[in-house]
């Protein structure tokens, strides 16, 4: 879908994500990450998250957890580094 992670981007980001969650299996990381990206892109309230992304509380909670444990920063650092490398090639 438009605005969601490509297979290539997912392959690069997946190793940055935690392997397990609090003793139980987590909802699919890619689905949750696409939910977070949808929310950031649209600015809509979490409660308006489309059903295809799963429960809004899951996405919101995962973003809070990933922010607290540094995972979100690792993702952002990767995105920034990738963007910088593309920009350098274009100049």
PDB file of N, CA and C in Angstrom:
ATOM      1  N   UNK A   1       0.822  -1.195   0.000  1.00  0.00           N
ATOM      2  CA  UNK A   1       0.000   0.000   0.000  1.00  0.00           C
ATOM      3  C   UNK A   1       0.861   1.252   0.000  1.00  0.00           C
ATOM      4  N   UNK A   2       0.332   2.283  -0.594  1.00  0.00           N
ATOM      5  CA  UNK A   2       1.032   3.550  -0.645  1.00  0.00           C
ATOM      6  C   UNK A   2       1.342   4.046   0.764  1.00  0.00           C
ATOM      7  N   UNK A   3       2.579   4.505   0.971  1.00  0.00           N
ATOM      8  CA  UNK A   3       2.960   5.057   2.261  1.00  0.00           C
ATOM      9  C   UNK A   3       3.421   4.028   3.279  1.00  0.00           C
ATOM     10  N   UNK A   4       3.396   2.743   2.913  1.00  0.00           N
ATOM     11  CA  UNK A   4       3.837   1.700   3.838  1.00  0.00           C
ATOM     12  C   UNK A   4       5.249   1.254   3.471  1.00  0.00           C
ATOM     13  N   UNK A   5       5.870   0.554   4.381  1.00  0.00           N
ATOM     14  CA  UNK A   5       7.236   0.092   4.173  1.00  0.00           C
ATOM     15  C   UNK A   5       7.329  -0.820   2.963  1.00  0.00           C
ATOM     16  N   UNK A   6       8.318  -0.562   2.129  1.00  0.00           N
ATOM     17  CA  UNK A   6       8.600  -1.473   1.023  1.00  0.00           C
ATOM     18  C   UNK A   6       9.312  -2.704   1.593  1.00  0.00           C
ATOM     19  N   UNK A   7       9.374  -3.763   0.813  1.00  0.00           N
ATOM     20  CA  UNK A   7      10.091  -4.960   1.253  1.00  0.00           C
ATOM     21  C   UNK A   7      11.561  -4.631   1.514  1.00  0.00           C
ATOM     22  N   UNK A   8      12.125  -3.790   0.702  1.00  0.00           N
ATOM     23  CA  UNK A   8      13.537  -3.404   0.858  1.00  0.00           C
ATOM     24  C   UNK A   8      13.762  -2.627   2.158  1.00  0.00           C
ATOM     25  N   UNK A   9      12.905  -1.662   2.431  1.00  0.00           N
ATOM     26  CA  UNK A   9      13.023  -0.890   3.678  1.00  0.00           C
ATOM     27  C   UNK A   9      12.802  -1.798   4.884  1.00  0.00           C
ATOM     28  N   UNK A  10      11.816  -2.675   4.801  1.00  0.00           N
ATOM     29  CA  UNK A  10      11.539  -3.594   5.896  1.00  0.00           C
ATOM     30  C   UNK A  10      12.751  -4.495   6.177  1.00  0.00           C
ATOM     31  N   UNK A  11      13.389  -4.994   5.128  1.00  0.00           N
ATOM     32  CA  UNK A  11      14.559  -5.867   5.296  1.00  0.00           C
ATOM     33  C   UNK A  11      15.686  -5.136   6.030  1.00  0.00           C
ATOM     34  N   UNK A  12      15.803  -3.851   5.822  1.00  0.00           N
ATOM     35  CA  UNK A  12      16.848  -3.071   6.489  1.00  0.00           C
ATOM     36  C   UNK A  12      16.478  -2.729   7.930  1.00  0.00           C
ATOM     37  N   UNK A  13      15.199  -2.480   8.183  1.00  0.00           N
ATOM     38  CA  UNK A  13      14.753  -2.047   9.512  1.00  0.00           C
ATOM     39  C   UNK A  13      14.516  -3.228  10.454  1.00  0.00           C
ATOM     40  N   UNK A  14      14.073  -4.346   9.941  1.00  0.00           N
ATOM     41  CA  UNK A  14      13.715  -5.476  10.789  1.00  0.00           C
ATOM     42  C   UNK A  14      14.806  -5.863  11.799  1.00  0.00           C
ATOM     43  N   UNK A  15      16.089  -5.891  11.396  1.00  0.00           N
ATOM     44  CA  UNK A  15      17.121  -6.261  12.382  1.00  0.00           C
ATOM     45  C   UNK A  15      17.274  -5.262  13.536  1.00  0.00           C
ATOM     46  N   UNK A  16      16.738  -4.068  13.398  1.00  0.00           N
ATOM     47  CA  UNK A  16      16.833  -3.054  14.447  1.00  0.00           C
ATOM     48  C   UNK A  16      15.787  -3.247  15.545  1.00  0.00           C
ATOM     49  N   UNK A  17      14.817  -4.124  15.305  1.00  0.00           N
ATOM     50  CA  UNK A  17      13.688  -4.290  16.218  1.00  0.00           C
ATOM     51  C   UNK A  17      13.936  -5.395  17.238  1.00  0.00           C
ATOM     52  N   UNK A  18      13.333  -5.264  18.420  1.00  0.00           N
ATOM     53  CA  UNK A  18      13.477  -6.300  19.444  1.00  0.00           C
ATOM     54  C   UNK A  18      12.914  -7.636  18.968  1.00  0.00           C
ATOM     55  N   UNK A  19      13.461  -8.715  19.497  1.00  0.00           N
ATOM     56  CA  UNK A  19      13.066 -10.053  19.071  1.00  0.00           C
ATOM     57  C   UNK A  19      11.784 -10.525  19.749  1.00  0.00           C
ATOM     58  N   UNK A  20      11.602 -10.216  21.017  1.00  0.00           N
ATOM     59  CA  UNK A  20      10.413 -10.706  21.709  1.00  0.00           C
ATOM     60  C   UNK A  20       9.840  -9.618  22.604  1.00  0.00           C
ATOM     61  N   UNK A  21       8.678  -9.903  23.154  1.00  0.00           N
ATOM     62  CA  UNK A  21       8.053  -8.911  24.009  1.00  0.00           C
ATOM     63  C   UNK A  21       7.452  -9.498  25.263  1.00  0.00           C
ATOM     64  N   UNK A  22       7.935  -9.107  26.380  1.00  0.00           N
ATOM     65  CA  UNK A  22       7.378  -9.401  27.696  1.00  0.00           C
ATOM     66  C   UNK A  22       6.824 -10.815  27.865  1.00  0.00           C
ATOM     67  N   UNK A  23       7.554 -11.817  27.411  1.00  0.00           N
ATOM     68  CA  UNK A  23       7.152 -13.198  27.647  1.00  0.00           C
ATOM     69  C   UNK A  23       6.080 -13.744  26.729  1.00  0.00           C
ATOM     70  N   UNK A  24       5.579 -12.953  25.810  1.00  0.00           N
ATOM     71  CA  UNK A  24       4.569 -13.458  24.871  1.00  0.00           C
ATOM     72  C   UNK A  24       4.886 -12.941  23.470  1.00  0.00           C
ATOM     73  N   UNK A  25       4.282 -13.573  22.505  1.00  0.00           N
ATOM     74  CA  UNK A  25       4.537 -13.190  21.116  1.00  0.00           C
ATOM     75  C   UNK A  25       3.886 -11.850  20.812  1.00  0.00           C
ATOM     76  N   UNK A  26       4.646 -10.979  20.173  1.00  0.00           N
ATOM     77  CA  UNK A  26       4.146  -9.658  19.799  1.00  0.00           C
ATOM     78  C   UNK A  26       3.368  -9.717  18.485  1.00  0.00           C
ATOM     79  N   UNK A  27       2.469  -8.744  18.325  1.00  0.00           N
ATOM     80  CA  UNK A  27       1.827  -8.552  17.022  1.00  0.00           C
ATOM     81  C   UNK A  27       2.939  -8.230  16.026  1.00  0.00           C
ATOM     82  N   UNK A  28       2.728  -8.584  14.793  1.00  0.00           N
ATOM     83  CA  UNK A  28       3.704  -8.401  13.728  1.00  0.00           C
ATOM     84  C   UNK A  28       4.316  -6.994  13.742  1.00  0.00           C
ATOM     85  N   UNK A  29       5.642  -6.930  13.847  1.00  0.00           N
ATOM     86  CA  UNK A  29       6.339  -5.643  13.905  1.00  0.00           C
ATOM     87  C   UNK A  29       6.074  -4.786  12.659  1.00  0.00           C
ATOM     88  N   UNK A  30       6.044  -5.415  11.508  1.00  0.00           N
ATOM     89  CA  UNK A  30       5.843  -4.638  10.277  1.00  0.00           C
ATOM     90  C   UNK A  30       4.465  -3.984  10.271  1.00  0.00           C
ATOM     91  N   UNK A  31       3.450  -4.721  10.688  1.00  0.00           N
ATOM     92  CA  UNK A  31       2.102  -4.157  10.748  1.00  0.00           C
ATOM     93  C   UNK A  31       2.066  -2.978  11.723  1.00  0.00           C
ATOM     94  N   UNK A  32       2.694  -3.146  12.865  1.00  0.00           N
ATOM     95  CA  UNK A  32       2.702  -2.082  13.873  1.00  0.00           C
ATOM     96  C   UNK A  32       3.498  -0.882  13.381  1.00  0.00           C
ATOM     97  N   UNK A  33       4.634  -1.123  12.757  1.00  0.00           N
ATOM     98  CA  UNK A  33       5.440  -0.014  12.244  1.00  0.00           C
ATOM     99  C   UNK A  33       4.686   0.744  11.159  1.00  0.00           C
ATOM    100  N   UNK A  34       3.982   0.033  10.303  1.00  0.00           N
ATOM    101  CA  UNK A  34       3.158   0.710   9.297  1.00  0.00           C
ATOM    102  C   UNK A  34       2.045   1.520   9.958  1.00  0.00           C
ATOM    103  N   UNK A  35       1.504   1.033  11.061  1.00  0.00           N
ATOM    104  CA  UNK A  35       0.490   1.786  11.809  1.00  0.00           C
ATOM    105  C   UNK A  35       1.073   3.077  12.361  1.00  0.00           C
ATOM    106  N   UNK A  36       2.256   2.987  12.928  1.00  0.00           N
ATOM    107  CA  UNK A  36       2.917   4.179  13.478  1.00  0.00           C
ATOM    108  C   UNK A  36       3.196   5.175  12.358  1.00  0.00           C
ATOM    109  N   UNK A  37       3.680   4.688  11.232  1.00  0.00           N
ATOM    110  CA  UNK A  37       3.963   5.581  10.107  1.00  0.00           C
ATOM    111  C   UNK A  37       2.690   6.234   9.580  1.00  0.00           C
ATOM    112  N   UNK A  38       1.585   5.470   9.548  1.00  0.00           N
ATOM    113  CA  UNK A  38       0.301   6.039   9.122  1.00  0.00           C
ATOM    114  C   UNK A  38      -0.086   7.187  10.043  1.00  0.00           C
ATOM    115  N   UNK A  39       0.020   6.944  11.331  1.00  0.00           N
ATOM    116  CA  UNK A  39      -0.352   7.969  12.329  1.00  0.00           C
ATOM    117  C   UNK A  39       0.519   9.213  12.186  1.00  0.00           C
ATOM    118  N   UNK A  40       1.825   9.020  12.022  1.00  0.00           N
ATOM    119  CA  UNK A  40       2.735  10.160  11.875  1.00  0.00           C
ATOM    120  C   UNK A  40       2.487  10.909  10.568  1.00  0.00           C
ATOM    121  N   UNK A  41       2.186  10.165   9.516  1.00  0.00           N
ATOM    122  CA  UNK A  41       1.952  10.782   8.210  1.00  0.00           C
ATOM    123  C   UNK A  41       0.643  11.573   8.181  1.00  0.00           C
ATOM    124  N   UNK A  42      -0.412  11.030   8.792  1.00  0.00           N
ATOM    125  CA  UNK A  42      -1.729  11.667   8.700  1.00  0.00           C
ATOM    126  C   UNK A  42      -1.981  12.682   9.814  1.00  0.00           C
ATOM    127  N   UNK A  43      -1.378  12.468  10.976  1.00  0.00           N
ATOM    128  CA  UNK A  43      -1.655  13.335  12.123  1.00  0.00           C
ATOM    129  C   UNK A  43      -3.008  13.053  12.759  1.00  0.00           C
ATOM    130  N   UNK A  44      -3.657  11.984  12.310  1.00  0.00           N
ATOM    131  CA  UNK A  44      -4.975  11.632  12.843  1.00  0.00           C
ATOM    132  C   UNK A  44      -4.837  11.085  14.265  1.00  0.00           C
ATOM    133  N   UNK A  45      -5.904  11.132  15.036  1.00  0.00           N
ATOM    134  CA  UNK A  45      -5.858  10.535  16.375  1.00  0.00           C
ATOM    135  C   UNK A  45      -5.598   9.029  16.288  1.00  0.00           C
ATOM    136  N   UNK A  46      -4.926   8.487  17.306  1.00  0.00           N
ATOM    137  CA  UNK A  46      -4.654   7.054  17.345  1.00  0.00           C
ATOM    138  C   UNK A  46      -5.929   6.236  17.177  1.00  0.00           C
ATOM    139  N   UNK A  47      -7.002   6.688  17.766  1.00  0.00           N
ATOM    140  CA  UNK A  47      -8.266   5.933  17.713  1.00  0.00           C
ATOM    141  C   UNK A  47      -8.830   5.817  16.292  1.00  0.00           C
ATOM    142  N   UNK A  48      -8.342   6.635  15.365  1.00  0.00           N
ATOM    143  CA  UNK A  48      -8.801   6.574  13.981  1.00  0.00           C
ATOM    144  C   UNK A  48      -7.951   5.651  13.110  1.00  0.00           C
ATOM    145  N   UNK A  49      -7.027   4.926  13.716  1.00  0.00           N
ATOM    146  CA  UNK A  49      -6.169   4.012  12.982  1.00  0.00           C
ATOM    147  C   UNK A  49      -7.028   2.991  12.223  1.00  0.00           C
ATOM    148  N   UNK A  50      -6.784   2.821  10.912  1.00  0.00           N
ATOM    149  CA  UNK A  50      -7.562   1.835  10.149  1.00  0.00           C
ATOM    150  C   UNK A  50      -7.388   0.416  10.700  1.00  0.00           C
ATOM    151  N   UNK A  51      -8.426  -0.392  10.584  1.00  0.00           N
ATOM    152  CA  UNK A  51      -8.430  -1.753  11.114  1.00  0.00           C
ATOM    153  C   UNK A  51      -7.290  -2.619  10.581  1.00  0.00           C
ATOM    154  N   UNK A  52      -6.834  -2.357   9.355  1.00  0.00           N
ATOM    155  CA  UNK A  52      -5.783  -3.199   8.767  1.00  0.00           C
ATOM    156  C   UNK A  52      -4.481  -3.157   9.564  1.00  0.00           C
ATOM    157  N   UNK A  53      -4.329  -2.150  10.448  1.00  0.00           N
ATOM    158  CA  UNK A  53      -3.122  -2.026  11.253  1.00  0.00           C
ATOM    159  C   UNK A  53      -3.258  -2.653  12.634  1.00  0.00           C
ATOM    160  N   UNK A  54      -4.407  -3.202  12.931  1.00  0.00           N
ATOM    161  CA  UNK A  54      -4.618  -3.807  14.235  1.00  0.00           C
ATOM    162  C   UNK A  54      -5.070  -2.770  15.257  1.00  0.00           C
ATOM    163  N   UNK A  55      -5.100  -3.158  16.526  1.00  0.00           N
ATOM    164  CA  UNK A  55      -5.589  -2.252  17.574  1.00  0.00           C
ATOM    165  C   UNK A  55      -4.705  -1.012  17.731  1.00  0.00           C
ATOM    166  N   UNK A  56      -5.341   0.134  17.852  1.00  0.00           N
ATOM    167  CA  UNK A  56      -4.575   1.373  17.995  1.00  0.00           C
ATOM    168  C   UNK A  56      -3.749   1.359  19.272  1.00  0.00           C
ATOM    169  N   UNK A  57      -4.270   0.740  20.322  1.00  0.00           N
ATOM    170  CA  UNK A  57      -3.533   0.701  21.589  1.00  0.00           C
ATOM    171  C   UNK A  57      -2.227  -0.075  21.449  1.00  0.00           C
ATOM    172  N   UNK A  58      -2.223  -1.078  20.605  1.00  0.00           N
ATOM    173  CA  UNK A  58      -0.999  -1.849  20.365  1.00  0.00           C
ATOM    174  C   UNK A  58       0.056  -0.976  19.706  1.00  0.00           C
ATOM    175  N   UNK A  59      -0.331  -0.267  18.660  1.00  0.00           N
ATOM    176  CA  UNK A  59       0.618   0.594  17.951  1.00  0.00           C
ATOM    177  C   UNK A  59       1.116   1.720  18.857  1.00  0.00           C
ATOM    178  N   UNK A  60       0.215   2.334  19.570  1.00  0.00           N
ATOM    179  CA  UNK A  60       0.583   3.422  20.469  1.00  0.00           C
ATOM    180  C   UNK A  60       1.526   2.918  21.561  1.00  0.00           C
ATOM    181  N   UNK A  61       1.179   1.788  22.152  1.00  0.00           N
ATOM    182  CA  UNK A  61       2.013   1.220  23.212  1.00  0.00           C
ATOM    183  C   UNK A  61       3.391   0.818  22.712  1.00  0.00           C
ATOM    184  N   UNK A  62       3.436   0.254  21.506  1.00  0.00           N
ATOM    185  CA  UNK A  62       4.725  -0.158  20.941  1.00  0.00           C
ATOM    186  C   UNK A  62       5.597   1.051  20.669  1.00  0.00           C
ATOM    187  N   UNK A  63       5.015   2.135  20.163  1.00  0.00           N
ATOM    188  CA  UNK A  63       5.805   3.348  19.934  1.00  0.00           C
ATOM    189  C   UNK A  63       6.350   3.877  21.254  1.00  0.00           C
ATOM    190  N   UNK A  64       5.533   3.873  22.291  1.00  0.00           N
ATOM    191  CA  UNK A  64       5.999   4.331  23.611  1.00  0.00           C
ATOM    192  C   UNK A  64       7.140   3.452  24.118  1.00  0.00           C
ATOM    193  N   UNK A  65       6.990   2.145  23.979  1.00  0.00           N
ATOM    194  CA  UNK A  65       8.027   1.208  24.417  1.00  0.00           C
ATOM    195  C   UNK A  65       9.307   1.388  23.609  1.00  0.00           C
ATOM    196  N   UNK A  66       9.160   1.446  22.301  1.00  0.00           N
ATOM    197  CA  UNK A  66      10.333   1.609  21.436  1.00  0.00           C
ATOM    198  C   UNK A  66      11.022   2.952  21.667  1.00  0.00           C
ATOM    199  N   UNK A  67      10.266   3.972  22.008  1.00  0.00           N
ATOM    200  CA  UNK A  67      10.873   5.263  22.329  1.00  0.00           C
ATOM    201  C   UNK A  67      11.667   5.150  23.624  1.00  0.00           C
ATOM    202  N   UNK A  68      11.100   4.495  24.616  1.00  0.00           N
ATOM    203  CA  UNK A  68      11.754   4.358  25.923  1.00  0.00           C
ATOM    204  C   UNK A  68      13.012   3.494  25.854  1.00  0.00           C
ATOM    205  N   UNK A  69      12.998   2.436  25.036  1.00  0.00           N
ATOM    206  CA  UNK A  69      14.154   1.531  25.016  1.00  0.00           C
ATOM    207  C   UNK A  69      15.193   1.859  23.941  1.00  0.00           C
ATOM    208  N   UNK A  70      14.959   2.927  23.170  1.00  0.00           N
ATOM    209  CA  UNK A  70      15.930   3.362  22.164  1.00  0.00           C
ATOM    210  C   UNK A  70      15.725   2.783  20.779  1.00  0.00           C
ATOM    211  N   UNK A  71      14.775   1.868  20.634  1.00  0.00           N
ATOM    212  CA  UNK A  71      14.531   1.253  19.328  1.00  0.00           C
ATOM    213  C   UNK A  71      14.099   2.296  18.300  1.00  0.00           C
ATOM    214  N   UNK A  72      13.192   3.182  18.686  1.00  0.00           N
ATOM    215  CA  UNK A  72      12.693   4.189  17.744  1.00  0.00           C
ATOM    216  C   UNK A  72      13.831   5.090  17.264  1.00  0.00           C
ATOM    217  N   UNK A  73      14.743   5.441  18.174  1.00  0.00           N
ATOM    218  CA  UNK A  73      15.883   6.276  17.796  1.00  0.00           C
ATOM    219  C   UNK A  73      16.787   5.542  16.804  1.00  0.00           C
ATOM    220  N   UNK A  74      16.991   4.238  16.993  1.00  0.00           N
ATOM    221  CA  UNK A  74      17.792   3.454  16.050  1.00  0.00           C
ATOM    222  C   UNK A  74      17.149   3.457  14.660  1.00  0.00           C
ATOM    223  N   UNK A  75      15.836   3.337  14.623  1.00  0.00           N
ATOM    224  CA  UNK A  75      15.133   3.386  13.335  1.00  0.00           C
ATOM    225  C   UNK A  75      15.314   4.752  12.691  1.00  0.00           C
ATOM    226  N   UNK A  76      15.117   5.801  13.461  1.00  0.00           N
ATOM    227  CA  UNK A  76      15.273   7.156  12.921  1.00  0.00           C
ATOM    228  C   UNK A  76      16.700   7.408  12.455  1.00  0.00           C
ATOM    229  N   UNK A  77      17.679   6.942  13.216  1.00  0.00           N
ATOM    230  CA  UNK A  77      19.080   7.100  12.818  1.00  0.00           C
ATOM    231  C   UNK A  77      19.347   6.408  11.492  1.00  0.00           C
ATOM    232  N   UNK A  78      18.773   5.210  11.306  1.00  0.00           N
ATOM    233  CA  UNK A  78      18.951   4.499  10.043  1.00  0.00           C
ATOM    234  C   UNK A  78      18.321   5.287   8.898  1.00  0.00           C
ATOM    235  N   UNK A  79      17.114   5.788   9.118  1.00  0.00           N
ATOM    236  CA  UNK A  79      16.413   6.547   8.068  1.00  0.00           C
ATOM    237  C   UNK A  79      17.196   7.802   7.711  1.00  0.00           C
ATOM    238  N   UNK A  80      17.701   8.500   8.715  1.00  0.00           N
ATOM    239  CA  UNK A  80      18.461   9.723   8.464  1.00  0.00           C
ATOM    240  C   UNK A  80      19.749   9.402   7.708  1.00  0.00           C
ATOM    241  N   UNK A  81      20.462   8.358   8.125  1.00  0.00           N
ATOM    242  CA  UNK A  81      21.693   7.968   7.439  1.00  0.00           C
ATOM    243  C   UNK A  81      21.405   7.591   5.990  1.00  0.00           C
ATOM    244  N   UNK A  82      20.324   6.859   5.765  1.00  0.00           N
ATOM    245  CA  UNK A  82      19.945   6.455   4.415  1.00  0.00           C
ATOM    246  C   UNK A  82      19.607   7.673   3.572  1.00  0.00           C
ATOM    247  N   UNK A  83      18.860   8.619   4.140  1.00  0.00           N
ATOM    248  CA  UNK A  83      18.487   9.838   3.432  1.00  0.00           C
ATOM    249  C   UNK A  83      19.722  10.666   3.102  1.00  0.00           C
ATOM    250  N   UNK A  84      20.644  10.772   4.041  1.00  0.00           N
ATOM    251  CA  UNK A  84      21.873  11.526   3.802  1.00  0.00           C
ATOM    252  C   UNK A  84      22.691  10.917   2.679  1.00  0.00           C
ATOM    253  N   UNK A  85      22.748   9.598   2.613  1.00  0.00           N
ATOM    254  CA  UNK A  85      23.539   8.957   1.557  1.00  0.00           C
ATOM    255  C   UNK A  85      22.910   9.205   0.189  1.00  0.00           C
ATOM    256  N   UNK A  86      21.592   9.243   0.134  1.00  0.00           N
ATOM    257  CA  UNK A  86      20.905   9.535  -1.124  1.00  0.00           C
ATOM    258  C   UNK A  86      21.149  10.978  -1.523  1.00  0.00           C
ATOM    259  N   UNK A  87      21.087  11.882  -0.557  1.00  0.00           N
ATOM    260  CA  UNK A  87      21.283  13.309  -0.850  1.00  0.00           C
ATOM    261  C   UNK A  87      22.700  13.581  -1.342  1.00  0.00           C
ATOM    262  N   UNK A  88      23.697  12.920  -0.756  1.00  0.00           N
ATOM    263  CA  UNK A  88      25.083  13.130  -1.177  1.00  0.00           C
ATOM    264  C   UNK A  88      25.283  12.700  -2.612  1.00  0.00           C
ATOM    265  N   UNK A  89      24.617  11.639  -3.025  1.00  0.00           N
ATOM    266  CA  UNK A  89      24.764  11.150  -4.396  1.00  0.00           C
ATOM    267  C   UNK A  89      24.134  12.105  -5.392  1.00  0.00           C
ATOM    268  N   UNK A  90      23.115  12.805  -4.968  1.00  0.00           N
ATOM    269  CA  UNK A  90      22.388  13.688  -5.879  1.00  0.00           C
ATOM    270  C   UNK A  90      23.092  15.030  -6.067  1.00  0.00           C
ATOM    271  N   UNK A  91      24.007  15.407  -5.155  1.00  0.00           N
ATOM    272  CA  UNK A  91      24.627  16.737  -5.278  1.00  0.00           C
ATOM    273  C   UNK A  91      25.848  16.732  -6.136  1.00  0.00           C
TER     274      UNK A  91
END
